[in-house]
Amino acid sequence: MAVRRKNGEEGFTLFELLVVLAILGLLAAIVGPPVVRYLGSSRTQTAKVQAKNVASALELYRLDVGRYPTAQEGLQALVTQPVPPPVGWNGPYLPQVSALVDPWGKPYRFQAPGKHGEVDVWSAGSDGVEGGTGEAADVGSW
């Protein structure tokens, strides 16, 4: 039995839908990996720029106070005045606390004196563990 359809009620067949889904799947397989790789490298580049900004803020802090923040003060001293306030503190040196967090949501680390310069600011990458390769590699201000 043939079913008559009224004008305007035509639709796609199951075969046509499967062909379209197969084409979309092929496009995703071809385009997907480069896009994911690009997103990973952009986070790494962002972390590098942010680490350099934090290092610059640390230099300004040192010029005003005469030293880098202590381990107890931490990088938070760049955003809010430590208690007791150090003589010469003229901050905030960074506009927001979010400037102290890397693109993976972990706080930046710093060391003075550093292994690569007077002060090192770095992120441990996506895995949060020192070392690693690719997106999990350390990214620093050096």
Protein backbone atom coordinates (compact mmCIF):
# COMPACT_ATOMS: atom_id res chain seq x y z
CA MET A 1 0.00 0.00 0.00
CA ALA A 2 1.33 3.37 -0.97
CA VAL A 3 0.70 6.22 1.41
CA ARG A 4 -0.12 9.48 -0.19
CA ARG A 5 1.47 12.56 1.28
CA LYS A 6 0.01 15.98 1.13
CA ASN A 7 2.03 18.82 -0.38
CA GLY A 8 4.65 20.18 2.02
CA GLU A 9 4.83 16.99 4.12
CA GLU A 10 7.77 15.41 2.35
CA GLY A 11 10.72 14.58 4.59
CA PHE A 12 14.17 13.08 4.44
CA THR A 13 14.66 9.36 4.22
CA LEU A 14 16.70 7.47 6.77
CA PHE A 15 19.39 6.88 4.16
CA GLU A 16 19.73 10.61 3.43
CA LEU A 17 20.08 11.38 7.14
CA LEU A 18 22.76 8.69 7.53
CA VAL A 19 24.75 10.12 4.60
CA VAL A 20 24.65 13.60 6.15
CA LEU A 21 25.75 12.23 9.54
CA ALA A 22 28.61 10.31 7.89
CA ILE A 23 29.81 13.48 6.15
CA LEU A 24 29.66 15.45 9.42
CA GLY A 25 31.59 12.66 11.16
CA LEU A 26 34.32 12.78 8.52
CA LEU A 27 34.60 16.55 8.83
CA ALA A 28 34.87 16.30 12.63
CA ALA A 29 37.59 13.65 12.32
CA ILE A 30 39.59 15.80 9.92
CA VAL A 31 39.16 19.19 11.60
CA GLY A 32 38.94 18.11 15.26
CA PRO A 33 42.55 17.18 16.13
CA PRO A 34 44.16 20.40 14.80
CA VAL A 35 41.58 22.49 16.67
CA VAL A 36 42.25 20.63 19.94
CA ARG A 37 46.00 21.01 19.42
CA TYR A 38 45.55 24.74 18.77
CA LEU A 39 43.50 25.20 21.96
CA GLY A 40 46.19 23.43 24.00
CA SER A 41 48.98 25.58 22.59
CA SER A 42 46.98 28.76 23.15
CA ARG A 43 46.66 27.93 26.87
CA THR A 44 50.41 27.41 27.01
CA GLN A 45 51.06 30.74 25.27
CA THR A 46 48.60 32.49 27.60
CA ALA A 47 50.37 31.03 30.63
CA LYS A 48 53.73 32.25 29.33
CA VAL A 49 52.45 35.81 28.88
CA GLN A 50 50.72 35.82 32.27
CA ALA A 51 53.84 34.48 34.02
CA LYS A 52 55.87 37.33 32.50
CA ASN A 53 53.26 39.84 33.71
CA VAL A 54 53.45 38.45 37.25
CA ALA A 55 57.27 38.58 37.08
CA SER A 56 57.07 42.25 36.02
CA ALA A 57 54.74 42.98 38.93
CA LEU A 58 57.23 41.28 41.26
CA GLU A 59 59.97 43.58 39.95
CA LEU A 60 57.81 46.63 40.70
CA TYR A 61 57.15 45.25 44.19
CA ARG A 62 60.89 44.80 44.73
CA LEU A 63 61.61 48.34 43.56
CA ASP A 64 59.08 49.76 46.05
CA VAL A 65 59.67 47.48 49.04
CA GLY A 66 63.31 46.56 48.51
CA ARG A 67 62.68 42.81 48.41
CA TYR A 68 60.44 40.20 46.83
CA PRO A 69 57.42 38.95 48.78
CA THR A 70 58.22 36.36 51.42
CA ALA A 71 56.92 32.80 51.13
CA GLN A 72 54.34 33.68 53.80
CA GLU A 73 53.14 36.76 51.87
CA GLY A 74 53.16 34.89 48.56
CA LEU A 75 52.01 36.34 45.26
CA GLN A 76 48.90 37.61 47.04
CA ALA A 77 51.09 40.56 48.17
CA LEU A 78 50.91 41.84 44.59
CA VAL A 79 47.13 42.27 44.82
CA THR A 80 46.38 43.06 48.46
CA GLN A 81 48.53 44.81 51.04
CA PRO A 82 50.16 42.30 53.41
CA VAL A 83 49.68 42.53 57.16
CA PRO A 84 51.78 44.10 58.58
CA PRO A 85 52.29 46.30 55.54
CA PRO A 86 55.87 46.40 54.24
CA VAL A 87 57.49 49.83 54.14
CA GLY A 88 57.12 51.29 50.66
CA TRP A 89 54.25 49.06 49.47
CA ASN A 90 52.56 51.05 46.73
CA GLY A 91 50.21 48.46 45.22
CA PRO A 92 48.21 46.81 44.07
CA TYR A 93 50.70 45.69 41.46
CA LEU A 94 48.18 43.47 39.67
CA PRO A 95 44.54 44.46 39.16
CA GLN A 96 42.84 41.20 40.21
CA VAL A 97 43.48 37.98 42.10
CA SER A 98 42.59 36.11 38.91
CA ALA A 99 45.92 37.30 37.45
CA LEU A 100 47.61 34.90 39.88
CA VAL A 101 45.84 31.84 38.44
CA ASP A 102 47.05 30.00 35.35
CA PRO A 103 44.79 29.00 32.42
CA TRP A 104 44.29 25.57 34.03
CA GLY A 105 42.91 27.10 37.24
CA LYS A 106 45.99 26.53 39.41
CA PRO A 107 47.96 29.28 41.18
CA TYR A 108 51.25 30.46 39.70
CA ARG A 109 54.36 29.56 41.67
CA PHE A 110 57.35 31.78 42.28
CA GLN A 111 60.86 31.46 43.63
CA ALA A 112 63.36 34.17 44.49
CA PRO A 113 66.19 33.75 43.78
CA GLY A 114 65.17 31.63 40.84
CA LYS A 115 66.94 28.97 38.83
CA HIS A 116 66.56 30.96 35.59
CA GLY A 117 66.93 34.53 36.89
CA GLU A 118 66.46 36.77 39.91
CA VAL A 119 62.89 35.57 40.23
CA ASP A 120 61.07 32.70 38.52
CA VAL A 121 57.32 32.60 38.03
CA TRP A 122 55.88 29.43 36.54
CA SER A 123 52.90 27.20 36.03
CA ALA A 124 53.24 23.43 36.25
CA GLY A 125 51.03 23.02 33.18
CA SER A 126 47.80 21.13 32.79
CA ASP A 127 48.73 18.30 35.16
CA GLY A 128 49.93 20.57 38.01
CA VAL A 129 53.10 18.47 38.44
CA GLU A 130 56.56 19.83 37.72
CA GLY A 131 58.11 18.57 34.51
CA GLY A 132 56.11 16.97 31.75
CA THR A 133 55.75 17.41 28.03
CA GLY A 134 53.25 19.05 25.72
CA GLU A 135 50.43 20.82 27.53
CA ALA A 136 51.61 19.27 30.81
CA ALA A 137 55.04 20.94 30.53
CA ASP A 138 56.11 23.71 32.89
CA VAL A 139 55.62 27.21 31.52
CA GLY A 140 57.60 30.05 33.04
CA SER A 141 58.67 33.65 32.82
CA TRP A 142 62.16 32.70 31.61
